[in-house]
PDB file of N, CA and C in Angstrom:
ATOM      1  N   UNK A   1     132.507  49.764  18.941  1.00  0.00           N
ATOM      2  CA  UNK A   1     132.237  48.651  18.953  1.00  0.00           C
ATOM      3  C   UNK A   1     130.484  48.816  19.839  1.00  0.00           C
ATOM      4  N   UNK A   2     130.355  47.759  20.580  1.00  0.00           N
ATOM      5  CA  UNK A   2     129.171  47.293  22.019  1.00  0.00           C
ATOM      6  C   UNK A   2     130.098  47.289  23.007  1.00  0.00           C
ATOM      7  N   UNK A   3     129.460  47.894  24.199  1.00  0.00           N
ATOM      8  CA  UNK A   3     129.747  47.455  25.296  1.00  0.00           C
ATOM      9  C   UNK A   3     128.946  47.915  26.270  1.00  0.00           C
ATOM     10  N   UNK A   4     129.116  47.297  27.645  1.00  0.00           N
ATOM     11  CA  UNK A   4     128.482  47.494  28.996  1.00  0.00           C
ATOM     12  C   UNK A   4     129.235  49.530  29.025  1.00  0.00           C
ATOM     13  N   UNK A   5     127.793  50.293  30.030  1.00  0.00           N
ATOM     14  CA  UNK A   5     128.272  51.200  30.306  1.00  0.00           C
ATOM     15  C   UNK A   5     128.858  51.460  31.223  1.00  0.00           C
ATOM     16  N   UNK A   6     128.643  50.534  32.456  1.00  0.00           N
ATOM     17  CA  UNK A   6     129.407  50.247  33.785  1.00  0.00           C
ATOM     18  C   UNK A   6     130.695  49.160  33.193  1.00  0.00           C
ATOM     19  N   UNK A   7     131.504  50.100  33.331  1.00  0.00           N
ATOM     20  CA  UNK A   7     132.521  49.082  33.273  1.00  0.00           C
ATOM     21  C   UNK A   7     133.574  48.480  34.337  1.00  0.00           C
ATOM     22  N   UNK A   8     133.121  48.703  36.070  1.00  0.00           N
ATOM     23  CA  UNK A   8     133.442  47.967  37.027  1.00  0.00           C
ATOM     24  C   UNK A   8     132.294  46.800  37.575  1.00  0.00           C
ATOM     25  N   UNK A   9     132.670  45.721  37.316  1.00  0.00           N
ATOM     26  CA  UNK A   9     131.311  44.801  38.218  1.00  0.00           C
ATOM     27  C   UNK A   9     131.072  45.069  39.082  1.00  0.00           C
ATOM     28  N   UNK A  10     131.685  45.535  40.156  1.00  0.00           N
ATOM     29  CA  UNK A  10     131.405  45.737  41.602  1.00  0.00           C
ATOM     30  C   UNK A  10     130.494  47.012  41.466  1.00  0.00           C
ATOM     31  N   UNK A  11     130.380  47.998  40.406  1.00  0.00           N
ATOM     32  CA  UNK A  11     129.320  49.133  40.118  1.00  0.00           C
ATOM     33  C   UNK A  11     128.035  48.475  39.550  1.00  0.00           C
ATOM     34  N   UNK A  12     127.941  47.288  38.916  1.00  0.00           N
ATOM     35  CA  UNK A  12     127.045  47.073  38.093  1.00  0.00           C
ATOM     36  C   UNK A  12     126.004  46.261  39.119  1.00  0.00           C
ATOM     37  N   UNK A  13     124.304  46.847  38.546  1.00  0.00           N
ATOM     38  CA  UNK A  13     123.409  46.385  39.883  1.00  0.00           C
ATOM     39  C   UNK A  13     122.855  45.224  38.524  1.00  0.00           C
ATOM     40  N   UNK A  14     122.410  44.383  39.155  1.00  0.00           N
ATOM     41  CA  UNK A  14     121.916  42.941  38.771  1.00  0.00           C
ATOM     42  C   UNK A  14     120.688  42.623  38.000  1.00  0.00           C
ATOM     43  N   UNK A  15     119.768  43.692  38.585  1.00  0.00           N
ATOM     44  CA  UNK A  15     118.240  43.630  37.925  1.00  0.00           C
ATOM     45  C   UNK A  15     118.693  44.517  36.527  1.00  0.00           C
ATOM     46  N   UNK A  16     119.303  45.280  35.931  1.00  0.00           N
ATOM     47  CA  UNK A  16     119.545  46.367  34.954  1.00  0.00           C
ATOM     48  C   UNK A  16     120.793  46.244  34.768  1.00  0.00           C
ATOM     49  N   UNK A  17     121.080  46.151  33.240  1.00  0.00           N
ATOM     50  CA  UNK A  17     122.017  46.433  32.589  1.00  0.00           C
ATOM     51  C   UNK A  17     121.905  47.315  31.752  1.00  0.00           C
ATOM     52  N   UNK A  18     123.074  48.174  31.251  1.00  0.00           N
ATOM     53  CA  UNK A  18     123.564  49.447  30.864  1.00  0.00           C
ATOM     54  C   UNK A  18     124.320  48.953  29.565  1.00  0.00           C
ATOM     55  N   UNK A  19     123.678  49.169  28.759  1.00  0.00           N
ATOM     56  CA  UNK A  19     124.351  49.074  27.147  1.00  0.00           C
ATOM     57  C   UNK A  19     125.462  50.101  26.774  1.00  0.00           C
ATOM     58  N   UNK A  20     125.799  51.038  25.837  1.00  0.00           N
ATOM     59  CA  UNK A  20     126.428  51.661  25.591  1.00  0.00           C
ATOM     60  C   UNK A  20     126.119  51.034  23.551  1.00  0.00           C
ATOM     61  N   UNK A  21     124.873  52.336  23.660  1.00  0.00           N
ATOM     62  CA  UNK A  21     124.638  52.175  21.649  1.00  0.00           C
ATOM     63  C   UNK A  21     125.921  52.755  20.476  1.00  0.00           C
ATOM     64  N   UNK A  22     126.410  51.929  20.236  1.00  0.00           N
ATOM     65  CA  UNK A  22     127.736  51.857  18.771  1.00  0.00           C
ATOM     66  C   UNK A  22     127.390  53.143  18.425  1.00  0.00           C
ATOM     67  N   UNK A  23     128.660  53.540  18.118  1.00  0.00           N
ATOM     68  CA  UNK A  23     128.533  54.952  17.012  1.00  0.00           C
ATOM     69  C   UNK A  23     127.873  54.499  16.058  1.00  0.00           C
ATOM     70  N   UNK A  24     126.807  55.249  14.979  1.00  0.00           N
ATOM     71  CA  UNK A  24     126.230  54.948  13.400  1.00  0.00           C
ATOM     72  C   UNK A  24     125.093  53.866  14.081  1.00  0.00           C
ATOM     73  N   UNK A  25     124.413  53.917  14.889  1.00  0.00           N
ATOM     74  CA  UNK A  25     123.404  52.940  15.431  1.00  0.00           C
ATOM     75  C   UNK A  25     122.457  53.553  15.810  1.00  0.00           C
ATOM     76  N   UNK A  26     121.505  54.014  15.095  1.00  0.00           N
ATOM     77  CA  UNK A  26     119.915  53.795  15.517  1.00  0.00           C
ATOM     78  C   UNK A  26     119.304  53.307  16.841  1.00  0.00           C
ATOM     79  N   UNK A  27     119.709  53.904  17.732  1.00  0.00           N
ATOM     80  CA  UNK A  27     119.346  53.452  19.042  1.00  0.00           C
ATOM     81  C   UNK A  27     117.362  53.070  19.291  1.00  0.00           C
ATOM     82  N   UNK A  28     116.914  53.979  18.849  1.00  0.00           N
ATOM     83  CA  UNK A  28     115.520  54.034  19.070  1.00  0.00           C
ATOM     84  C   UNK A  28     114.561  52.885  17.794  1.00  0.00           C
ATOM     85  N   UNK A  29     115.845  52.758  16.188  1.00  0.00           N
ATOM     86  CA  UNK A  29     115.249  52.478  15.524  1.00  0.00           C
ATOM     87  C   UNK A  29     115.452  50.570  15.832  1.00  0.00           C
ATOM     88  N   UNK A  30     116.361  50.209  16.963  1.00  0.00           N
ATOM     89  CA  UNK A  30     116.829  48.990  17.509  1.00  0.00           C
ATOM     90  C   UNK A  30     115.582  48.675  18.813  1.00  0.00           C
ATOM     91  N   UNK A  31     115.284  49.250  19.097  1.00  0.00           N
ATOM     92  CA  UNK A  31     114.400  49.402  20.993  1.00  0.00           C
ATOM     93  C   UNK A  31     113.311  49.078  19.617  1.00  0.00           C
ATOM     94  N   UNK A  32     112.783  49.454  18.764  1.00  0.00           N
ATOM     95  CA  UNK A  32     111.535  49.518  18.199  1.00  0.00           C
ATOM     96  C   UNK A  32     111.339  48.104  17.289  1.00  0.00           C
ATOM     97  N   UNK A  33     112.787  47.664  16.439  1.00  0.00           N
ATOM     98  CA  UNK A  33     112.234  46.114  16.214  1.00  0.00           C
ATOM     99  C   UNK A  33     112.582  45.291  17.183  1.00  0.00           C
ATOM    100  N   UNK A  34     113.162  45.289  18.504  1.00  0.00           N
ATOM    101  CA  UNK A  34     113.038  44.728  18.895  1.00  0.00           C
ATOM    102  C   UNK A  34     111.988  44.500  19.983  1.00  0.00           C
ATOM    103  N   UNK A  35     110.982  45.342  20.099  1.00  0.00           N
ATOM    104  CA  UNK A  35     109.537  45.101  20.801  1.00  0.00           C
ATOM    105  C   UNK A  35     108.525  44.627  19.813  1.00  0.00           C
ATOM    106  N   UNK A  36     108.194  45.266  18.145  1.00  0.00           N
ATOM    107  CA  UNK A  36     107.449  44.670  17.327  1.00  0.00           C
ATOM    108  C   UNK A  36     107.712  43.585  16.270  1.00  0.00           C
ATOM    109  N   UNK A  37     109.310  42.810  16.458  1.00  0.00           N
ATOM    110  CA  UNK A  37     109.426  41.576  16.118  1.00  0.00           C
ATOM    111  C   UNK A  37     109.752  40.776  16.734  1.00  0.00           C
ATOM    112  N   UNK A  38     109.971  41.347  17.976  1.00  0.00           N
ATOM    113  CA  UNK A  38     110.415  40.327  18.925  1.00  0.00           C
ATOM    114  C   UNK A  38     109.906  40.161  20.212  1.00  0.00           C
ATOM    115  N   UNK A  39     108.670  41.060  20.688  1.00  0.00           N
ATOM    116  CA  UNK A  39     108.442  41.121  21.956  1.00  0.00           C
ATOM    117  C   UNK A  39     109.267  41.721  22.864  1.00  0.00           C
ATOM    118  N   UNK A  40     110.549  41.694  22.497  1.00  0.00           N
ATOM    119  CA  UNK A  40     111.144  42.020  23.903  1.00  0.00           C
ATOM    120  C   UNK A  40     111.180  43.786  24.028  1.00  0.00           C
ATOM    121  N   UNK A  41     111.212  44.247  25.124  1.00  0.00           N
ATOM    122  CA  UNK A  41     110.827  46.063  25.237  1.00  0.00           C
ATOM    123  C   UNK A  41     112.021  45.892  26.205  1.00  0.00           C
ATOM    124  N   UNK A  42     112.474  47.314  25.766  1.00  0.00           N
ATOM    125  CA  UNK A  42     114.211  47.756  26.566  1.00  0.00           C
ATOM    126  C   UNK A  42     113.799  48.948  26.468  1.00  0.00           C
ATOM    127  N   UNK A  43     114.379  49.561  27.619  1.00  0.00           N
ATOM    128  CA  UNK A  43     114.209  51.450  27.878  1.00  0.00           C
ATOM    129  C   UNK A  43     115.589  51.903  27.158  1.00  0.00           C
ATOM    130  N   UNK A  44     115.436  52.964  27.050  1.00  0.00           N
ATOM    131  CA  UNK A  44     116.632  54.151  26.308  1.00  0.00           C
ATOM    132  C   UNK A  44     117.088  54.286  27.804  1.00  0.00           C
ATOM    133  N   UNK A  45     118.163  55.669  27.616  1.00  0.00           N
ATOM    134  CA  UNK A  45     118.581  56.182  28.867  1.00  0.00           C
ATOM    135  C   UNK A  45     118.264  57.688  28.943  1.00  0.00           C
ATOM    136  N   UNK A  46     118.130  58.058  30.207  1.00  0.00           N
ATOM    137  CA  UNK A  46     117.425  59.446  30.861  1.00  0.00           C
ATOM    138  C   UNK A  46     118.395  60.648  30.926  1.00  0.00           C
ATOM    139  N   UNK A  47     117.615  61.517  30.924  1.00  0.00           N
ATOM    140  CA  UNK A  47     118.818  62.542  30.785  1.00  0.00           C
ATOM    141  C   UNK A  47     119.720  62.915  29.815  1.00  0.00           C
ATOM    142  N   UNK A  48     120.325  63.098  30.115  1.00  0.00           N
ATOM    143  CA  UNK A  48     122.194  63.558  29.682  1.00  0.00           C
ATOM    144  C   UNK A  48     122.215  61.995  28.758  1.00  0.00           C
ATOM    145  N   UNK A  49     122.223  60.448  29.229  1.00  0.00           N
ATOM    146  CA  UNK A  49     122.148  59.247  28.680  1.00  0.00           C
ATOM    147  C   UNK A  49     121.394  59.482  27.809  1.00  0.00           C
ATOM    148  N   UNK A  50     120.201  59.542  27.179  1.00  0.00           N
ATOM    149  CA  UNK A  50     119.304  59.801  26.225  1.00  0.00           C
ATOM    150  C   UNK A  50     120.022  59.714  24.947  1.00  0.00           C
ATOM    151  N   UNK A  51     119.815  58.589  24.128  1.00  0.00           N
ATOM    152  CA  UNK A  51     120.072  58.151  23.408  1.00  0.00           C
ATOM    153  C   UNK A  51     121.287  57.491  23.094  1.00  0.00           C
ATOM    154  N   UNK A  52     121.849  57.755  23.992  1.00  0.00           N
ATOM    155  CA  UNK A  52     123.567  57.337  24.157  1.00  0.00           C
ATOM    156  C   UNK A  52     123.311  55.262  25.173  1.00  0.00           C
ATOM    157  N   UNK A  53     122.642  54.792  25.570  1.00  0.00           N
ATOM    158  CA  UNK A  53     123.024  53.988  26.353  1.00  0.00           C
ATOM    159  C   UNK A  53     121.319  53.164  26.395  1.00  0.00           C
ATOM    160  N   UNK A  54     121.186  51.873  26.157  1.00  0.00           N
ATOM    161  CA  UNK A  54     120.111  50.971  26.052  1.00  0.00           C
ATOM    162  C   UNK A  54     120.141  50.343  27.520  1.00  0.00           C
ATOM    163  N   UNK A  55     118.751  50.594  27.919  1.00  0.00           N
ATOM    164  CA  UNK A  55     118.589  49.607  29.730  1.00  0.00           C
ATOM    165  C   UNK A  55     117.898  48.476  29.465  1.00  0.00           C
ATOM    166  N   UNK A  56     118.126  46.989  30.020  1.00  0.00           N
ATOM    167  CA  UNK A  56     118.139  46.236  29.840  1.00  0.00           C
ATOM    168  C   UNK A  56     117.796  45.437  31.393  1.00  0.00           C
ATOM    169  N   UNK A  57     116.868  45.160  31.188  1.00  0.00           N
ATOM    170  CA  UNK A  57     115.846  44.847  32.776  1.00  0.00           C
ATOM    171  C   UNK A  57     116.708  43.348  33.194  1.00  0.00           C
ATOM    172  N   UNK A  58     116.808  42.854  34.038  1.00  0.00           N
ATOM    173  CA  UNK A  58     117.224  41.109  34.054  1.00  0.00           C
ATOM    174  C   UNK A  58     116.716  41.166  35.316  1.00  0.00           C
ATOM    175  N   UNK A  59     115.176  40.991  35.305  1.00  0.00           N
ATOM    176  CA  UNK A  59     114.163  40.647  36.763  1.00  0.00           C
ATOM    177  C   UNK A  59     112.986  39.755  36.061  1.00  0.00           C
ATOM    178  N   UNK A  60     113.042  38.567  37.029  1.00  0.00           N
ATOM    179  CA  UNK A  60     111.966  37.585  37.365  1.00  0.00           C
ATOM    180  C   UNK A  60     112.406  36.987  35.814  1.00  0.00           C
ATOM    181  N   UNK A  61     110.986  36.993  34.766  1.00  0.00           N
ATOM    182  CA  UNK A  61     110.492  36.151  33.405  1.00  0.00           C
ATOM    183  C   UNK A  61     111.784  36.582  32.547  1.00  0.00           C
ATOM    184  N   UNK A  62     112.119  37.906  32.464  1.00  0.00           N
ATOM    185  CA  UNK A  62     113.409  38.758  31.099  1.00  0.00           C
ATOM    186  C   UNK A  62     114.787  37.939  31.696  1.00  0.00           C
ATOM    187  N   UNK A  63     114.872  37.514  33.273  1.00  0.00           N
ATOM    188  CA  UNK A  63     116.260  37.047  33.752  1.00  0.00           C
ATOM    189  C   UNK A  63     116.680  35.637  33.277  1.00  0.00           C
ATOM    190  N   UNK A  64     115.109  34.839  32.876  1.00  0.00           N
ATOM    191  CA  UNK A  64     115.901  33.196  32.318  1.00  0.00           C
ATOM    192  C   UNK A  64     116.604  33.151  31.759  1.00  0.00           C
ATOM    193  N   UNK A  65     117.047  32.228  31.403  1.00  0.00           N
ATOM    194  CA  UNK A  65     118.575  31.976  30.283  1.00  0.00           C
ATOM    195  C   UNK A  65     118.149  32.054  29.108  1.00  0.00           C
ATOM    196  N   UNK A  66     116.825  31.317  28.353  1.00  0.00           N
ATOM    197  CA  UNK A  66     116.246  31.310  27.765  1.00  0.00           C
ATOM    198  C   UNK A  66     115.955  32.644  26.476  1.00  0.00           C
ATOM    199  N   UNK A  67     115.361  33.649  27.759  1.00  0.00           N
ATOM    200  CA  UNK A  67     115.118  34.749  26.898  1.00  0.00           C
ATOM    201  C   UNK A  67     116.026  35.900  27.220  1.00  0.00           C
ATOM    202  N   UNK A  68     117.480  35.862  27.945  1.00  0.00           N
ATOM    203  CA  UNK A  68     118.618  36.286  28.084  1.00  0.00           C
ATOM    204  C   UNK A  68     118.980  35.777  26.797  1.00  0.00           C
ATOM    205  N   UNK A  69     119.255  34.867  25.995  1.00  0.00           N
ATOM    206  CA  UNK A  69     119.866  34.103  24.450  1.00  0.00           C
ATOM    207  C   UNK A  69     118.563  34.774  23.364  1.00  0.00           C
ATOM    208  N   UNK A  70     117.446  34.617  23.735  1.00  0.00           N
ATOM    209  CA  UNK A  70     116.636  35.099  22.515  1.00  0.00           C
ATOM    210  C   UNK A  70     116.782  37.015  22.571  1.00  0.00           C
ATOM    211  N   UNK A  71     117.223  37.474  23.475  1.00  0.00           N
ATOM    212  CA  UNK A  71     117.645  38.674  23.279  1.00  0.00           C
ATOM    213  C   UNK A  71     118.280  39.148  22.406  1.00  0.00           C
ATOM    214  N   UNK A  72     119.990  38.421  22.827  1.00  0.00           N
ATOM    215  CA  UNK A  72     121.037  38.558  22.734  1.00  0.00           C
ATOM    216  C   UNK A  72     121.170  38.556  20.757  1.00  0.00           C
ATOM    217  N   UNK A  73     120.774  37.034  20.965  1.00  0.00           N
ATOM    218  CA  UNK A  73     120.327  36.618  19.272  1.00  0.00           C
ATOM    219  C   UNK A  73     119.352  37.904  18.443  1.00  0.00           C
ATOM    220  N   UNK A  74     118.578  38.218  19.003  1.00  0.00           N
ATOM    221  CA  UNK A  74     117.967  39.151  18.392  1.00  0.00           C
ATOM    222  C   UNK A  74     118.887  40.736  18.455  1.00  0.00           C
ATOM    223  N   UNK A  75     119.184  40.928  19.687  1.00  0.00           N
ATOM    224  CA  UNK A  75     119.680  42.501  19.082  1.00  0.00           C
ATOM    225  C   UNK A  75     120.912  42.042  18.120  1.00  0.00           C
ATOM    226  N   UNK A  76     121.479  40.859  17.833  1.00  0.00           N
ATOM    227  CA  UNK A  76     123.166  41.009  16.944  1.00  0.00           C
ATOM    228  C   UNK A  76     122.163  40.840  15.566  1.00  0.00           C
ATOM    229  N   UNK A  77     120.891  40.326  15.311  1.00  0.00           N
ATOM    230  CA  UNK A  77     120.241  40.420  14.353  1.00  0.00           C
ATOM    231  C   UNK A  77     120.370  41.625  13.560  1.00  0.00           C
ATOM    232  N   UNK A  78     119.778  42.555  14.394  1.00  0.00           N
ATOM    233  CA  UNK A  78     119.287  43.741  14.358  1.00  0.00           C
ATOM    234  C   UNK A  78     120.648  44.627  14.260  1.00  0.00           C
ATOM    235  N   UNK A  79     121.417  44.784  14.467  1.00  0.00           N
ATOM    236  CA  UNK A  79     122.495  45.448  14.356  1.00  0.00           C
ATOM    237  C   UNK A  79     123.645  44.948  13.604  1.00  0.00           C
ATOM    238  N   UNK A  80     123.924  43.726  13.165  1.00  0.00           N
ATOM    239  CA  UNK A  80     123.766  43.522  11.591  1.00  0.00           C
ATOM    240  C   UNK A  80     122.962  43.891  10.240  1.00  0.00           C
ATOM    241  N   UNK A  81     121.767  43.856  10.879  1.00  0.00           N
ATOM    242  CA  UNK A  81     121.054  44.754  10.016  1.00  0.00           C
ATOM    243  C   UNK A  81     121.098  45.463   9.499  1.00  0.00           C
ATOM    244  N   UNK A  82     121.570  46.607  10.557  1.00  0.00           N
ATOM    245  CA  UNK A  82     122.207  48.047  10.603  1.00  0.00           C
ATOM    246  C   UNK A  82     123.832  48.548  10.042  1.00  0.00           C
ATOM    247  N   UNK A  83     124.118  47.420   9.758  1.00  0.00           N
ATOM    248  CA  UNK A  83     125.861  47.732   9.027  1.00  0.00           C
ATOM    249  C   UNK A  83     126.858  47.441   9.788  1.00  0.00           C
ATOM    250  N   UNK A  84     126.561  47.472  11.309  1.00  0.00           N
ATOM    251  CA  UNK A  84     127.617  46.874  12.499  1.00  0.00           C
ATOM    252  C   UNK A  84     128.135  45.989  12.230  1.00  0.00           C
ATOM    253  N   UNK A  85     129.642  45.457  12.039  1.00  0.00           N
ATOM    254  CA  UNK A  85     130.395  44.743  11.898  1.00  0.00           C
ATOM    255  C   UNK A  85     130.523  43.843  13.248  1.00  0.00           C
ATOM    256  N   UNK A  86     130.366  42.666  13.564  1.00  0.00           N
ATOM    257  CA  UNK A  86     129.858  41.717  14.789  1.00  0.00           C
ATOM    258  C   UNK A  86     130.137  40.162  14.167  1.00  0.00           C
ATOM    259  N   UNK A  87     130.862  40.025  15.066  1.00  0.00           N
ATOM    260  CA  UNK A  87     131.490  38.154  14.973  1.00  0.00           C
ATOM    261  C   UNK A  87     129.927  37.635  15.427  1.00  0.00           C
ATOM    262  N   UNK A  88     129.631  36.492  14.561  1.00  0.00           N
ATOM    263  CA  UNK A  88     128.611  35.732  14.587  1.00  0.00           C
ATOM    264  C   UNK A  88     128.450  35.174  15.615  1.00  0.00           C
ATOM    265  N   UNK A  89     127.313  35.203  16.910  1.00  0.00           N
ATOM    266  CA  UNK A  89     127.286  34.207  17.431  1.00  0.00           C
ATOM    267  C   UNK A  89     127.955  35.033  18.903  1.00  0.00           C
ATOM    268  N   UNK A  90     128.385  35.436  18.952  1.00  0.00           N
ATOM    269  CA  UNK A  90     129.145  36.219  20.530  1.00  0.00           C
ATOM    270  C   UNK A  90     128.597  35.822  20.986  1.00  0.00           C
ATOM    271  N   UNK A  91     127.505  37.496  21.154  1.00  0.00           N
ATOM    272  CA  UNK A  91     126.777  37.631  22.334  1.00  0.00           C
ATOM    273  C   UNK A  91     126.492  36.594  23.125  1.00  0.00           C
ATOM    274  N   UNK A  92     126.055  35.321  22.244  1.00  0.00           N
ATOM    275  CA  UNK A  92     125.195  33.709  22.772  1.00  0.00           C
ATOM    276  C   UNK A  92     126.593  33.297  23.281  1.00  0.00           C
ATOM    277  N   UNK A  93     127.422  33.084  22.572  1.00  0.00           N
ATOM    278  CA  UNK A  93     128.600  32.266  23.238  1.00  0.00           C
ATOM    279  C   UNK A  93     129.058  32.431  24.769  1.00  0.00           C
ATOM    280  N   UNK A  94     129.072  33.731  24.945  1.00  0.00           N
ATOM    281  CA  UNK A  94     129.549  34.579  25.649  1.00  0.00           C
ATOM    282  C   UNK A  94     128.788  34.474  26.887  1.00  0.00           C
ATOM    283  N   UNK A  95     127.472  34.810  26.960  1.00  0.00           N
ATOM    284  CA  UNK A  95     126.384  34.326  27.925  1.00  0.00           C
ATOM    285  C   UNK A  95     126.061  32.908  27.591  1.00  0.00           C
ATOM    286  N   UNK A  96     125.973  31.657  26.707  1.00  0.00           N
ATOM    287  CA  UNK A  96     126.188  30.344  27.678  1.00  0.00           C
ATOM    288  C   UNK A  96     127.383  29.934  28.277  1.00  0.00           C
ATOM    289  N   UNK A  97     128.462  30.644  28.009  1.00  0.00           N
ATOM    290  CA  UNK A  97     129.409  30.140  28.936  1.00  0.00           C
ATOM    291  C   UNK A  97     129.710  30.894  30.091  1.00  0.00           C
ATOM    292  N   UNK A  98     128.667  32.158  30.673  1.00  0.00           N
ATOM    293  CA  UNK A  98     128.025  31.725  32.034  1.00  0.00           C
ATOM    294  C   UNK A  98     127.425  31.015  32.488  1.00  0.00           C
ATOM    295  N   UNK A  99     126.663  30.600  31.810  1.00  0.00           N
ATOM    296  CA  UNK A  99     125.829  29.569  32.379  1.00  0.00           C
ATOM    297  C   UNK A  99     126.355  28.028  32.448  1.00  0.00           C
ATOM    298  N   UNK A 100     127.262  28.075  32.192  1.00  0.00           N
ATOM    299  CA  UNK A 100     128.293  26.388  32.415  1.00  0.00           C
ATOM    300  C   UNK A 100     128.094  26.432  33.826  1.00  0.00           C
ATOM    301  N   UNK A 101     127.680  25.606  34.463  1.00  0.00           N
ATOM    302  CA  UNK A 101     127.949  25.553  35.733  1.00  0.00           C
ATOM    303  C   UNK A 101     127.572  25.770  36.966  1.00  0.00           C
ATOM    304  N   UNK A 102     126.784  26.933  36.668  1.00  0.00           N
ATOM    305  CA  UNK A 102     125.874  28.255  37.414  1.00  0.00           C
ATOM    306  C   UNK A 102     124.911  26.952  37.784  1.00  0.00           C
ATOM    307  N   UNK A 103     124.104  27.748  38.732  1.00  0.00           N
ATOM    308  CA  UNK A 103     122.541  26.979  39.712  1.00  0.00           C
ATOM    309  C   UNK A 103     121.693  27.473  38.693  1.00  0.00           C
ATOM    310  N   UNK A 104     121.006  26.437  38.536  1.00  0.00           N
ATOM    311  CA  UNK A 104     120.071  26.517  37.658  1.00  0.00           C
ATOM    312  C   UNK A 104     118.723  27.777  37.796  1.00  0.00           C
ATOM    313  N   UNK A 105     118.396  28.654  36.963  1.00  0.00           N
ATOM    314  CA  UNK A 105     117.291  29.986  37.841  1.00  0.00           C
ATOM    315  C   UNK A 105     116.125  29.285  37.696  1.00  0.00           C
ATOM    316  N   UNK A 106     114.859  29.039  38.362  1.00  0.00           N
ATOM    317  CA  UNK A 106     114.179  29.159  38.831  1.00  0.00           C
ATOM    318  C   UNK A 106     112.752  29.231  37.588  1.00  0.00           C
ATOM    319  N   UNK A 107     111.656  28.582  37.347  1.00  0.00           N
ATOM    320  CA  UNK A 107     111.408  29.002  36.360  1.00  0.00           C
ATOM    321  C   UNK A 107     109.711  29.344  37.042  1.00  0.00           C
ATOM    322  N   UNK A 108     108.982  28.760  37.979  1.00  0.00           N
ATOM    323  CA  UNK A 108     108.167  29.193  38.272  1.00  0.00           C
ATOM    324  C   UNK A 108     107.302  28.327  38.353  1.00  0.00           C
ATOM    325  N   UNK A 109     108.065  26.740  37.325  1.00  0.00           N
ATOM    326  CA  UNK A 109     106.747  25.745  37.071  1.00  0.00           C
ATOM    327  C   UNK A 109     106.733  24.785  38.108  1.00  0.00           C
ATOM    328  N   UNK A 110     104.881  24.584  38.507  1.00  0.00           N
ATOM    329  CA  UNK A 110     105.199  23.647  39.309  1.00  0.00           C
ATOM    330  C   UNK A 110     104.136  24.027  40.605  1.00  0.00           C
ATOM    331  N   UNK A 111     104.189  25.714  40.164  1.00  0.00           N
ATOM    332  CA  UNK A 111     103.204  25.837  41.692  1.00  0.00           C
ATOM    333  C   UNK A 111     101.558  25.791  41.202  1.00  0.00           C
TER     334      UNK A 111
END
């Protein structure tokens, strides 16, 4: 399955999330499709983690709720296209549940 590389939440950075690339998934193809079909750019792992993780930036514009949901939906579609078995909408539902009751994110509007 798919999961976070850093398991302990206390060890995670708020600015980037490292996601394990699931077995049988071509990580480079996923990154390429995200960029070319959805205009979403993510990075791969470096050194010994090359080809094993994706690094997803969560700063500024990328951290806005709508963009997080767009990324999760696009990633789900691409993984399903590669034959991965996923519960439909699970990523979006999980993210949306964390937004309930959370403080609004500044959008930079009105400057």
